[in-house]
Amino acid sequence: MSHTAHIPSHRKPRRRASKSALRAGVAGGVLSTVAVAGAAGPAQAEPVTQTIEMPTITSGLATAVAASAQATQQVALDLEAQAREDAAAEDAAKTAKKAKAEAVRKAEAEKKAEAAAKAKAEAEAKERAERASRTAARTTLSAPSSSSSGNSATASAPSSAPSTSSNATGSAASIVAFAKAQVGDAYVAGGTGPNAWDCSGLVQAAYRSAGIDLPRVSQAQSTAGTQVSLSNLQPGDILYWGAAGSAYHVAIYVGGGQFVGAQNSSTGTVQRSMDYDRPTGAVRVL
């Protein structure tokens, strides 16, 4: 073969200059960046000898939840304690109110009892005073009546008394029945019935039931008929206490040594023995 013969080349064909330049530029940029980073860093790095453990989000959240639960429990305990205190205060208020009402009731009951006892004592004192007054009046009148011929003449003059006919007996029975029917009624000064009387009001109403009109007051009733002895009484006779014409009390003789009269505010209308309060005198109207 000739030394000038063409020998095929084994080298790769050249790449285009633009692509080579581009690759060279990219490589140079990367190397430059590495070189700058190396120059900016420390000349010799310290070895890592301690690891710091940072708190995790999960542990913080658990702590907050626990705190919230504890606060909620404390609020519940506080509310429960307040409810118990309110209930105790309400119970105490109710107990105090009940005790106060009971005290007021007892005070009122004691006051009423004292008033009743006082009224009873006053009525008893009044009745004793009336008895004493009647006894004194009888004592005063007994002496002249025993020695006075005028009184003897009056007692021994049956001609002036009306006859005891069957009609009079019927009227007396009516008077006695009316008087007995009022036993238990109240005594009221000035009372004329039908459920409350004073002494002369009862006597007047009893006689009116038999068709007989009497004066209203005891003074006039004690002289409305014929004077009779207390030992010669008949049912229907008017008994009086005090002097005839100025008597302060009257009643109706009902027989058997008994009388019916409206005595006083303490006893009311009663039927009693004449020995209970012996009258001064009597008059017969029938």
Foldseek 3Di string as FASTA:
>chain_A
DDPPDDDDDPDDDDDDPVVVVVVVVVVVVVVVVVVVVCVPDDPDDDDDDDDDDDDDPVVVVVVVVVVVVVVVVVVVVVVVVVVVVVVVVVVVVVVVVVVVVVVVVVVVVVVVVVVVVVVLVVVVVVLVVVLVVLVVQLVVPVVCCVVPVVNVVLQPCCVQADDCDPLNVVLLVQLLVQLVVLAPAAEDVVDQDDRYYAFQSSLQVSNVSSVDGFDRDPLRNLVQARWYAPVDDDRQKKFFGHDRNPTPGIWTDHDPQWTWGQRDRNRGIHIDHCVVRPTNTIGDDD
